[in-house]
């Protein structure tokens, strides 16, 4: 091993009750990040036998030392494997979400279906990335943030994404830091918007919103609008958990409706973008009803 490099194999506490062993090479800094121009890192997850059919992984990377301007998205390779199963590699595009001095942060989420890999209670996740700068990883660069049971899926064709969380200095949305061991990422609120022209951009993550009639003298909140940037070929997965009936519509950058579903409970929409641009998501109520809260999960993959 070259001088100045270190190797780490550590049990990363508990993520949703699951132990993860992290291994990586690179130059270790005081904050626990391992830096290298060509990153190879591995996470091993255990006790997954009771998990749902689909797992959601958060991926967060930091970069520094760019000679040219940092790209708007960083492409990384994730390989999922398990005992006796054929490994599955997936290219993931992580949008740039923050830039502070020389450090540029990229964030995204990945949906893994159990049937894609056929894993049992044990899963290995390998990450590889090589760009024209140093890339930093740490124990929670890849973290398990959600486990989905099978959900009802509505019709849809294709669509886009962008990350979000707390509001930044210019009003933009940025994702929160990685989930702390033993704590699931809580849903995040998002700015109310009932017209598409002012729709906030959102990124992969879980959000909550409100619709309905607050009471006498109050205006009915009949719809919420969001938008997300997609590249051609990217796949948008949208999941809604609502106690009341809603209509979910997906519009392409030209304003044409490309996906729609209606119902209550668990709803799902999957769409692959045919063009690049801002796609609009509208969630509206079917009829006037008292105020209720819903949650929305956004995922982006190739």
Foldseek 3Di string as FASTA:
>chain_A
DDPQKDWAWDWQAAFQHKIKTKIWMAHADPVAKHKDLKTKMKIKIFQCQPFAQKWKKKAKKKWFDDPDPDDQWFWKKKWKAAPPWDIDIFIFIWGFFDDDPRMTMTIAMDMDGCVVTVHHGMMMIMMIGHDRTMMIDGPRSIGTQDTDHDFAEDEFAFDFFAAAADADPVRAGGHDPGDRHPDHDDAHEDDFDDDQVPAHGHHFDKHKDKFAAADPPGDGRFKGKHKGWHAAFKKKKKKKAAPAKKKKWKADPVRHTGDIDIDHGIYMYMHGHHHTDMMMIMIGHPDHDHMDMMMMGIHMGD
